[in-house]
Amino acid sequence: MLNISGFGLKVTVLAIQTFPMGFTLSEFADDVDPIAIEETQPSDFEMLYDGSLFAFEKAAPILASVSVIPGSDDDMNLRMLLQAKKGARSLFPVEDITSMVISYPGGGRVTLTEGTILKGPLADSVIQSGRKKGNTYSFAFGSFAGMQSGLQTALTIGQNVLGLL
């Protein structure tokens, strides 16, 4: 039986200028998905005038978001990263390249690189029940590497060996 538990998930965020040593996220929100990786669409299509299908490949970013407990150390670090990227009247945004390492329970690890923070809250929101809402920060990355399980590792190695033949 497969273990699909998310307990023990850790996310490490590194930003070359703002957080060169990185910081680890472990205080995830319970009212929003703690981590979400959106579907990536590396191909697209167009219908031509004659009715035929034209399919093509394209560059596609990897979109990810993390949700943390408002006011936690994780929230403050992500907010500082966001604040550094936000320009203001006499403040230039920091040129930062962000990476994220997601360590799943069971030993799987995924590395997202060549990225940046896209959006997040600069202040906490309060939901209808009267408590603070979990803060969600969104990122975009250009590269992906890693394996989430031993089976995925074996399948990838097998696919690469078959590709050589």
N, C-alpha and C. Protein backbone atom coordinates (compact mmCIF):
# COMPACT_ATOMS: atom_id res chain seq x y z
N MET A 1 0.84 -1.18 0.00
CA MET A 1 0.00 0.00 0.00
C MET A 1 0.89 1.25 0.00
N LEU A 2 0.54 2.20 -0.82
CA LEU A 2 1.33 3.43 -0.92
C LEU A 2 1.02 4.37 0.22
N ASN A 3 2.06 5.01 0.74
CA ASN A 3 1.90 6.01 1.78
C ASN A 3 1.78 7.37 1.11
N ILE A 4 0.62 7.99 1.19
CA ILE A 4 0.41 9.29 0.54
C ILE A 4 0.33 10.41 1.57
N SER A 5 0.80 10.15 2.77
CA SER A 5 0.76 11.15 3.83
C SER A 5 1.71 12.31 3.51
N GLY A 6 1.30 13.49 3.90
CA GLY A 6 2.13 14.67 3.71
C GLY A 6 2.82 15.11 4.99
N PHE A 7 2.60 14.37 6.07
CA PHE A 7 3.21 14.74 7.35
C PHE A 7 4.73 14.57 7.28
N GLY A 8 5.45 15.60 7.63
CA GLY A 8 6.90 15.58 7.55
C GLY A 8 7.44 16.32 6.33
N LEU A 9 6.54 16.92 5.54
CA LEU A 9 6.94 17.70 4.37
C LEU A 9 7.81 18.89 4.80
N LYS A 10 8.89 19.12 4.07
CA LYS A 10 9.74 20.28 4.33
C LYS A 10 10.06 20.95 2.99
N VAL A 11 10.07 22.25 3.00
CA VAL A 11 10.38 23.02 1.80
C VAL A 11 11.50 23.99 2.15
N THR A 12 12.58 23.95 1.39
CA THR A 12 13.69 24.88 1.60
C THR A 12 13.70 25.87 0.45
N VAL A 13 13.74 27.16 0.80
CA VAL A 13 13.74 28.23 -0.19
C VAL A 13 15.09 28.94 -0.12
N LEU A 14 15.73 29.11 -1.27
CA LEU A 14 16.99 29.85 -1.36
C LEU A 14 16.80 30.99 -2.35
N ALA A 15 17.31 32.16 -2.00
CA ALA A 15 17.28 33.30 -2.91
C ALA A 15 18.69 33.89 -2.89
N ILE A 16 19.32 34.01 -4.05
CA ILE A 16 20.73 34.37 -4.14
C ILE A 16 21.07 35.65 -3.38
N GLN A 17 20.28 36.69 -3.52
CA GLN A 17 20.57 37.96 -2.85
C GLN A 17 19.95 38.06 -1.46
N THR A 18 18.68 37.72 -1.34
CA THR A 18 17.94 37.95 -0.11
C THR A 18 18.24 36.90 0.96
N PHE A 19 18.24 35.63 0.59
CA PHE A 19 18.48 34.53 1.52
C PHE A 19 19.46 33.54 0.91
N PRO A 20 20.75 33.89 0.82
CA PRO A 20 21.71 32.98 0.17
C PRO A 20 21.90 31.66 0.93
N MET A 21 21.67 31.64 2.23
CA MET A 21 21.79 30.41 3.02
C MET A 21 20.47 29.64 3.03
N GLY A 22 19.40 30.29 2.60
CA GLY A 22 18.10 29.66 2.53
C GLY A 22 17.40 29.59 3.88
N PHE A 23 16.16 29.16 3.85
CA PHE A 23 15.39 28.92 5.06
C PHE A 23 14.42 27.78 4.78
N THR A 24 14.07 27.05 5.81
CA THR A 24 13.20 25.89 5.66
C THR A 24 11.81 26.21 6.16
N LEU A 25 10.82 25.85 5.35
CA LEU A 25 9.42 26.04 5.72
C LEU A 25 8.89 24.75 6.33
N SER A 26 8.25 24.86 7.48
CA SER A 26 7.66 23.68 8.11
C SER A 26 6.37 24.04 8.85
N GLU A 27 6.00 25.32 8.86
CA GLU A 27 4.79 25.77 9.56
C GLU A 27 3.71 26.06 8.52
N PHE A 28 3.08 24.99 8.01
CA PHE A 28 2.13 25.12 6.92
C PHE A 28 0.72 25.42 7.42
N ALA A 29 -0.02 26.17 6.63
CA ALA A 29 -1.41 26.54 6.97
C ALA A 29 -2.30 25.31 6.90
N ASP A 30 -3.37 25.33 7.71
CA ASP A 30 -4.31 24.21 7.71
C ASP A 30 -5.64 24.55 7.03
N ASP A 31 -5.79 25.79 6.58
CA ASP A 31 -7.05 26.19 5.92
C ASP A 31 -6.91 26.34 4.41
N VAL A 32 -5.70 26.13 3.90
CA VAL A 32 -5.41 26.23 2.47
C VAL A 32 -4.44 25.07 2.16
N ASP A 33 -4.36 24.65 0.90
CA ASP A 33 -3.39 23.61 0.54
C ASP A 33 -1.99 24.08 0.91
N PRO A 34 -1.24 23.32 1.71
CA PRO A 34 0.09 23.74 2.13
C PRO A 34 1.07 23.95 0.98
N ILE A 35 1.01 23.05 -0.01
CA ILE A 35 1.86 23.21 -1.19
C ILE A 35 1.07 22.76 -2.40
N ALA A 36 1.15 23.53 -3.46
CA ALA A 36 0.43 23.21 -4.69
C ALA A 36 1.36 23.43 -5.87
N ILE A 37 1.51 22.40 -6.68
CA ILE A 37 2.28 22.49 -7.92
C ILE A 37 1.25 22.41 -9.05
N GLU A 38 1.15 23.46 -9.83
CA GLU A 38 0.16 23.47 -10.91
C GLU A 38 0.61 22.59 -12.07
N GLU A 39 -0.36 22.17 -12.87
CA GLU A 39 -0.06 21.39 -14.07
C GLU A 39 0.78 22.23 -15.02
N THR A 40 1.76 21.59 -15.65
CA THR A 40 2.62 22.27 -16.61
C THR A 40 2.18 21.86 -18.00
N GLN A 41 2.08 22.83 -18.91
CA GLN A 41 1.64 22.56 -20.28
C GLN A 41 2.78 22.86 -21.26
N PRO A 42 3.62 21.83 -21.57
CA PRO A 42 4.75 22.07 -22.47
C PRO A 42 4.39 22.02 -23.95
N SER A 43 3.15 21.67 -24.27
CA SER A 43 2.72 21.61 -25.67
C SER A 43 1.41 22.36 -25.83
N ASP A 44 1.15 22.81 -27.04
CA ASP A 44 -0.11 23.49 -27.33
C ASP A 44 -0.50 23.13 -28.76
N PHE A 45 -1.61 23.67 -29.21
CA PHE A 45 -2.07 23.35 -30.56
C PHE A 45 -2.87 24.52 -31.12
N GLU A 46 -3.02 24.50 -32.41
CA GLU A 46 -3.85 25.45 -33.15
C GLU A 46 -4.55 24.67 -34.25
N MET A 47 -5.74 25.08 -34.55
CA MET A 47 -6.44 24.51 -35.70
C MET A 47 -6.15 25.41 -36.90
N LEU A 48 -5.69 24.83 -37.99
CA LEU A 48 -5.37 25.59 -39.19
C LEU A 48 -6.65 25.81 -40.02
N TYR A 49 -6.56 26.72 -40.98
CA TYR A 49 -7.73 27.07 -41.80
C TYR A 49 -8.30 25.88 -42.55
N ASP A 50 -7.45 24.91 -42.90
CA ASP A 50 -7.95 23.74 -43.63
C ASP A 50 -8.53 22.68 -42.70
N GLY A 51 -8.58 22.97 -41.40
CA GLY A 51 -9.18 22.05 -40.43
C GLY A 51 -8.20 21.07 -39.81
N SER A 52 -6.93 21.12 -40.23
CA SER A 52 -5.96 20.20 -39.65
C SER A 52 -5.41 20.76 -38.33
N LEU A 53 -4.90 19.87 -37.52
CA LEU A 53 -4.37 20.23 -36.21
C LEU A 53 -2.87 20.46 -36.32
N PHE A 54 -2.41 21.56 -35.77
CA PHE A 54 -0.98 21.86 -35.71
C PHE A 54 -0.58 21.90 -34.24
N ALA A 55 0.22 20.92 -33.80
CA ALA A 55 0.67 20.84 -32.42
C ALA A 55 2.13 21.29 -32.35
N PHE A 56 2.49 21.95 -31.26
CA PHE A 56 3.85 22.45 -31.09
C PHE A 56 4.24 22.46 -29.61
N GLU A 57 5.55 22.42 -29.38
CA GLU A 57 6.08 22.49 -28.03
C GLU A 57 6.42 23.94 -27.72
N LYS A 58 6.39 24.27 -26.43
CA LYS A 58 6.70 25.64 -26.02
C LYS A 58 7.36 25.61 -24.65
N ALA A 59 8.04 26.69 -24.32
CA ALA A 59 8.60 26.82 -22.98
C ALA A 59 7.46 27.03 -22.00
N ALA A 60 7.53 26.36 -20.86
CA ALA A 60 6.45 26.46 -19.88
C ALA A 60 7.03 26.58 -18.48
N PRO A 61 6.62 27.59 -17.74
CA PRO A 61 7.11 27.71 -16.37
C PRO A 61 6.48 26.67 -15.46
N ILE A 62 7.14 26.39 -14.36
CA ILE A 62 6.61 25.50 -13.33
C ILE A 62 6.08 26.42 -12.24
N LEU A 63 4.77 26.40 -12.03
CA LEU A 63 4.14 27.28 -11.05
C LEU A 63 3.88 26.51 -9.76
N ALA A 64 4.33 27.08 -8.65
CA ALA A 64 4.16 26.45 -7.34
C ALA A 64 3.73 27.50 -6.34
N SER A 65 3.00 27.06 -5.33
CA SER A 65 2.62 27.97 -4.25
C SER A 65 2.72 27.24 -2.92
N VAL A 66 3.09 27.97 -1.89
CA VAL A 66 3.15 27.44 -0.53
C VAL A 66 2.29 28.32 0.36
N SER A 67 1.60 27.68 1.30
CA SER A 67 0.75 28.40 2.24
C SER A 67 1.25 28.13 3.65
N VAL A 68 1.47 29.20 4.39
CA VAL A 68 2.03 29.08 5.73
C VAL A 68 1.13 29.76 6.76
N ILE A 69 1.39 29.46 8.02
CA ILE A 69 0.63 30.05 9.12
C ILE A 69 0.96 31.54 9.20
N PRO A 70 -0.06 32.40 9.26
CA PRO A 70 0.20 33.83 9.33
C PRO A 70 0.93 34.20 10.62
N GLY A 71 1.94 35.06 10.49
CA GLY A 71 2.71 35.52 11.64
C GLY A 71 3.84 34.60 12.06
N SER A 72 3.96 33.43 11.42
CA SER A 72 5.03 32.48 11.76
C SER A 72 6.37 32.98 11.20
N ASP A 73 7.46 32.34 11.64
CA ASP A 73 8.77 32.69 11.09
C ASP A 73 8.81 32.44 9.58
N ASP A 74 8.17 31.36 9.14
CA ASP A 74 8.11 31.06 7.70
C ASP A 74 7.41 32.19 6.95
N ASP A 75 6.31 32.68 7.51
CA ASP A 75 5.56 33.78 6.90
C ASP A 75 6.42 35.04 6.82
N MET A 76 7.13 35.34 7.89
CA MET A 76 7.98 36.55 7.90
C MET A 76 9.09 36.45 6.85
N ASN A 77 9.72 35.27 6.73
CA ASN A 77 10.79 35.10 5.73
C ASN A 77 10.24 35.24 4.31
N LEU A 78 9.10 34.62 4.03
CA LEU A 78 8.50 34.74 2.70
C LEU A 78 8.06 36.17 2.42
N ARG A 79 7.56 36.84 3.42
CA ARG A 79 7.14 38.23 3.26
C ARG A 79 8.34 39.14 2.97
N MET A 80 9.49 38.86 3.62
CA MET A 80 10.71 39.64 3.35
C MET A 80 11.19 39.40 1.92
N LEU A 81 11.09 38.15 1.45
CA LEU A 81 11.46 37.82 0.07
C LEU A 81 10.57 38.56 -0.91
N LEU A 82 9.27 38.57 -0.64
CA LEU A 82 8.32 39.29 -1.48
C LEU A 82 8.58 40.79 -1.46
N GLN A 83 8.82 41.33 -0.27
CA GLN A 83 9.07 42.77 -0.11
C GLN A 83 10.33 43.20 -0.87
N ALA A 84 11.35 42.33 -0.89
CA ALA A 84 12.59 42.65 -1.60
C ALA A 84 12.36 42.75 -3.11
N LYS A 85 11.40 41.98 -3.64
CA LYS A 85 11.11 42.00 -5.07
C LYS A 85 10.19 43.15 -5.47
N LYS A 86 9.50 43.74 -4.49
CA LYS A 86 8.54 44.80 -4.77
C LYS A 86 9.27 46.15 -4.82
N GLY A 87 9.15 46.82 -5.94
CA GLY A 87 9.73 48.16 -6.05
C GLY A 87 8.82 49.19 -5.40
N ALA A 88 9.38 50.32 -5.11
CA ALA A 88 8.62 51.43 -4.54
C ALA A 88 9.18 52.72 -5.11
N ARG A 89 8.70 53.84 -4.62
CA ARG A 89 9.08 55.14 -5.18
C ARG A 89 10.59 55.33 -5.26
N SER A 90 11.30 55.06 -4.19
CA SER A 90 12.75 55.24 -4.21
C SER A 90 13.46 53.94 -3.85
N LEU A 91 12.81 52.82 -4.15
CA LEU A 91 13.36 51.52 -3.80
C LEU A 91 13.34 50.62 -5.03
N PHE A 92 14.51 50.16 -5.43
CA PHE A 92 14.60 49.27 -6.58
C PHE A 92 14.42 47.82 -6.13
N PRO A 93 13.71 47.02 -6.93
CA PRO A 93 13.56 45.61 -6.56
C PRO A 93 14.90 44.88 -6.63
N VAL A 94 15.08 43.90 -5.76
CA VAL A 94 16.31 43.11 -5.71
C VAL A 94 16.28 42.08 -6.84
N GLU A 95 17.38 42.01 -7.58
CA GLU A 95 17.51 40.98 -8.63
C GLU A 95 17.85 39.67 -7.93
N ASP A 96 16.86 38.82 -7.76
CA ASP A 96 17.02 37.58 -7.02
C ASP A 96 16.67 36.40 -7.91
N ILE A 97 17.42 35.32 -7.78
CA ILE A 97 17.07 34.07 -8.42
C ILE A 97 16.75 33.10 -7.30
N THR A 98 15.56 32.53 -7.35
CA THR A 98 15.06 31.71 -6.26
C THR A 98 15.04 30.24 -6.65
N SER A 99 15.37 29.39 -5.69
CA SER A 99 15.28 27.94 -5.83
C SER A 99 14.46 27.39 -4.68
N MET A 100 13.83 26.24 -4.91
CA MET A 100 13.02 25.60 -3.88
C MET A 100 13.30 24.10 -3.92
N VAL A 101 13.57 23.53 -2.75
CA VAL A 101 13.76 22.09 -2.63
C VAL A 101 12.62 21.56 -1.77
N ILE A 102 11.83 20.66 -2.33
CA ILE A 102 10.70 20.07 -1.62
C ILE A 102 11.10 18.66 -1.21
N SER A 103 11.11 18.41 0.11
CA SER A 103 11.46 17.09 0.64
C SER A 103 10.18 16.43 1.13
N TYR A 104 9.77 15.39 0.42
CA TYR A 104 8.54 14.68 0.75
C TYR A 104 8.81 13.60 1.79
N PRO A 105 7.81 13.24 2.59
CA PRO A 105 7.97 12.10 3.50
C PRO A 105 8.25 10.85 2.67
N GLY A 106 9.11 9.99 3.15
CA GLY A 106 9.44 8.79 2.40
C GLY A 106 10.70 8.95 1.57
N GLY A 107 11.35 10.10 1.61
CA GLY A 107 12.64 10.27 0.95
C GLY A 107 12.62 10.92 -0.41
N GLY A 108 11.47 11.22 -0.97
CA GLY A 108 11.43 11.89 -2.28
C GLY A 108 11.88 13.34 -2.17
N ARG A 109 12.52 13.82 -3.21
CA ARG A 109 13.00 15.20 -3.20
C ARG A 109 12.89 15.78 -4.59
N VAL A 110 12.35 17.01 -4.67
CA VAL A 110 12.19 17.70 -5.94
C VAL A 110 12.88 19.06 -5.81
N THR A 111 13.64 19.44 -6.83
CA THR A 111 14.33 20.72 -6.84
C THR A 111 13.81 21.57 -7.98
N LEU A 112 13.35 22.77 -7.65
CA LEU A 112 12.87 23.74 -8.63
C LEU A 112 13.86 24.90 -8.62
N THR A 113 14.40 25.27 -9.79
CA THR A 113 15.43 26.31 -9.86
C THR A 113 15.08 27.35 -10.91
N GLU A 114 15.94 28.38 -10.99
CA GLU A 114 15.76 29.47 -11.95
C GLU A 114 14.40 30.13 -11.78
N GLY A 115 14.04 30.46 -10.54
CA GLY A 115 12.71 30.98 -10.29
C GLY A 115 12.67 32.34 -9.63
N THR A 116 11.45 32.76 -9.35
CA THR A 116 11.21 34.03 -8.67
C THR A 116 9.88 33.95 -7.93
N ILE A 117 9.74 34.77 -6.92
CA ILE A 117 8.45 34.86 -6.23
C ILE A 117 7.56 35.77 -7.06
N LEU A 118 6.32 35.37 -7.26
CA LEU A 118 5.39 36.13 -8.10
C LEU A 118 4.44 37.00 -7.30
N LYS A 119 3.86 36.41 -6.25
CA LYS A 119 2.88 37.18 -5.48
C LYS A 119 2.69 36.58 -4.10
N GLY A 120 2.14 37.40 -3.24
CA GLY A 120 1.84 37.00 -1.87
C GLY A 120 1.28 38.20 -1.12
N PRO A 121 0.77 37.98 0.07
CA PRO A 121 0.18 39.08 0.84
C PRO A 121 1.23 39.88 1.60
N LEU A 122 1.05 41.19 1.62
CA LEU A 122 1.93 42.03 2.43
C LEU A 122 1.37 42.23 3.84
N ALA A 123 0.11 41.85 4.03
CA ALA A 123 -0.53 41.93 5.35
C ALA A 123 -1.46 40.73 5.49
N ASP A 124 -1.80 40.39 6.71
CA ASP A 124 -2.66 39.24 6.98
C ASP A 124 -4.12 39.55 6.68
N SER A 125 -4.84 38.53 6.20
CA SER A 125 -6.29 38.63 5.98
C SER A 125 -6.98 37.86 7.10
N VAL A 126 -8.22 38.26 7.38
CA VAL A 126 -9.03 37.57 8.38
C VAL A 126 -10.24 36.97 7.67
N ILE A 127 -10.49 35.67 7.91
CA ILE A 127 -11.62 35.00 7.28
C ILE A 127 -12.88 35.16 8.13
N GLN A 128 -14.00 34.75 7.58
CA GLN A 128 -15.30 34.97 8.19
C GLN A 128 -15.44 34.37 9.58
N SER A 129 -14.73 33.29 9.86
CA SER A 129 -14.83 32.65 11.17
C SER A 129 -14.11 33.45 12.26
N GLY A 130 -13.40 34.50 11.87
CA GLY A 130 -12.74 35.36 12.84
C GLY A 130 -11.27 35.05 13.08
N ARG A 131 -10.70 34.11 12.34
CA ARG A 131 -9.28 33.82 12.49
C ARG A 131 -8.51 34.28 11.26
N LYS A 132 -7.20 34.42 11.41
CA LYS A 132 -6.37 34.84 10.28
C LYS A 132 -6.31 33.72 9.25
N LYS A 133 -6.32 34.13 7.99
CA LYS A 133 -6.25 33.20 6.86
C LYS A 133 -4.79 32.84 6.61
N GLY A 134 -4.54 31.58 6.23
CA GLY A 134 -3.19 31.18 5.85
C GLY A 134 -2.69 32.02 4.68
N ASN A 135 -1.42 32.39 4.72
CA ASN A 135 -0.84 33.23 3.67
C ASN A 135 -0.21 32.36 2.59
N THR A 136 -0.63 32.59 1.34
CA THR A 136 -0.15 31.82 0.20
C THR A 136 0.80 32.67 -0.64
N TYR A 137 1.97 32.12 -0.93
CA TYR A 137 2.98 32.79 -1.75
C TYR A 137 3.19 31.96 -3.01
N SER A 138 3.17 32.62 -4.17
CA SER A 138 3.28 31.93 -5.46
C SER A 138 4.64 32.18 -6.09
N PHE A 139 5.16 31.14 -6.74
CA PHE A 139 6.47 31.19 -7.39
C PHE A 139 6.36 30.65 -8.81
N ALA A 140 7.31 31.04 -9.66
CA ALA A 140 7.46 30.47 -11.00
C ALA A 140 8.91 30.03 -11.13
N PHE A 141 9.11 28.83 -11.71
CA PHE A 141 10.45 28.27 -11.87
C PHE A 141 10.65 27.84 -13.31
N GLY A 142 11.92 27.84 -13.74
CA GLY A 142 12.24 27.45 -15.11
C GLY A 142 12.73 26.03 -15.24
N SER A 143 13.24 25.43 -14.14
CA SER A 143 13.82 24.09 -14.22
C SER A 143 13.31 23.20 -13.10
N PHE A 144 13.25 21.92 -13.38
CA PHE A 144 12.77 20.91 -12.45
C PHE A 144 13.73 19.73 -12.45
N ALA A 145 14.02 19.18 -11.28
CA ALA A 145 14.82 17.97 -11.17
C ALA A 145 14.40 17.23 -9.92
N GLY A 146 14.60 15.92 -9.92
CA GLY A 146 14.34 15.16 -8.71
C GLY A 146 13.38 14.03 -8.92
N MET A 147 13.24 13.25 -7.88
CA MET A 147 12.38 12.07 -7.89
C MET A 147 11.56 12.06 -6.61
N GLN A 148 10.30 11.66 -6.72
CA GLN A 148 9.45 11.62 -5.55
C GLN A 148 9.41 10.25 -4.90
N SER A 149 9.94 9.21 -5.57
CA SER A 149 9.91 7.87 -5.00
C SER A 149 11.01 7.03 -5.64
N GLY A 150 11.31 5.91 -5.02
CA GLY A 150 12.28 4.97 -5.57
C GLY A 150 11.82 4.40 -6.89
N LEU A 151 10.51 4.15 -7.03
CA LEU A 151 9.95 3.63 -8.28
C LEU A 151 10.16 4.63 -9.41
N GLN A 152 9.93 5.91 -9.14
CA GLN A 152 10.14 6.93 -10.17
C GLN A 152 11.61 6.98 -10.57
N THR A 153 12.52 6.82 -9.61
CA THR A 153 13.95 6.81 -9.91
C THR A 153 14.27 5.65 -10.85
N ALA A 154 13.78 4.44 -10.52
CA ALA A 154 14.05 3.27 -11.35
C ALA A 154 13.47 3.43 -12.76
N LEU A 155 12.25 3.94 -12.85
CA LEU A 155 11.63 4.13 -14.17
C LEU A 155 12.39 5.15 -15.00
N THR A 156 12.86 6.23 -14.38
CA THR A 156 13.62 7.25 -15.11
C THR A 156 14.95 6.69 -15.60
N ILE A 157 15.63 5.91 -14.76
CA ILE A 157 16.90 5.30 -15.19
C ILE A 157 16.64 4.33 -16.33
N GLY A 158 15.59 3.52 -16.22
CA GLY A 158 15.25 2.58 -17.30
C GLY A 158 14.92 3.30 -18.60
N GLN A 159 14.19 4.40 -18.50
CA GLN A 159 13.84 5.17 -19.69
C GLN A 159 15.09 5.76 -20.34
N ASN A 160 16.02 6.24 -19.52
CA ASN A 160 17.26 6.81 -20.06
C ASN A 160 18.13 5.73 -20.73
N VAL A 161 18.17 4.52 -20.14
CA VAL A 161 18.93 3.44 -20.75
C VAL A 161 18.32 3.03 -22.08
N LEU A 162 17.00 2.90 -22.13
CA LEU A 162 16.33 2.56 -23.39
C LEU A 162 16.53 3.65 -24.44
N GLY A 163 16.62 4.89 -24.00
CA GLY A 163 16.84 5.99 -24.93
C GLY A 163 18.22 5.92 -25.60
N LEU A 164 19.17 5.28 -24.93
CA LEU A 164 20.52 5.14 -25.49
C LEU A 164 20.59 4.06 -26.56
N LEU A 165 19.67 3.11 -26.53
CA LEU A 165 19.70 1.98 -27.48
C LEU A 165 19.20 2.34 -28.84
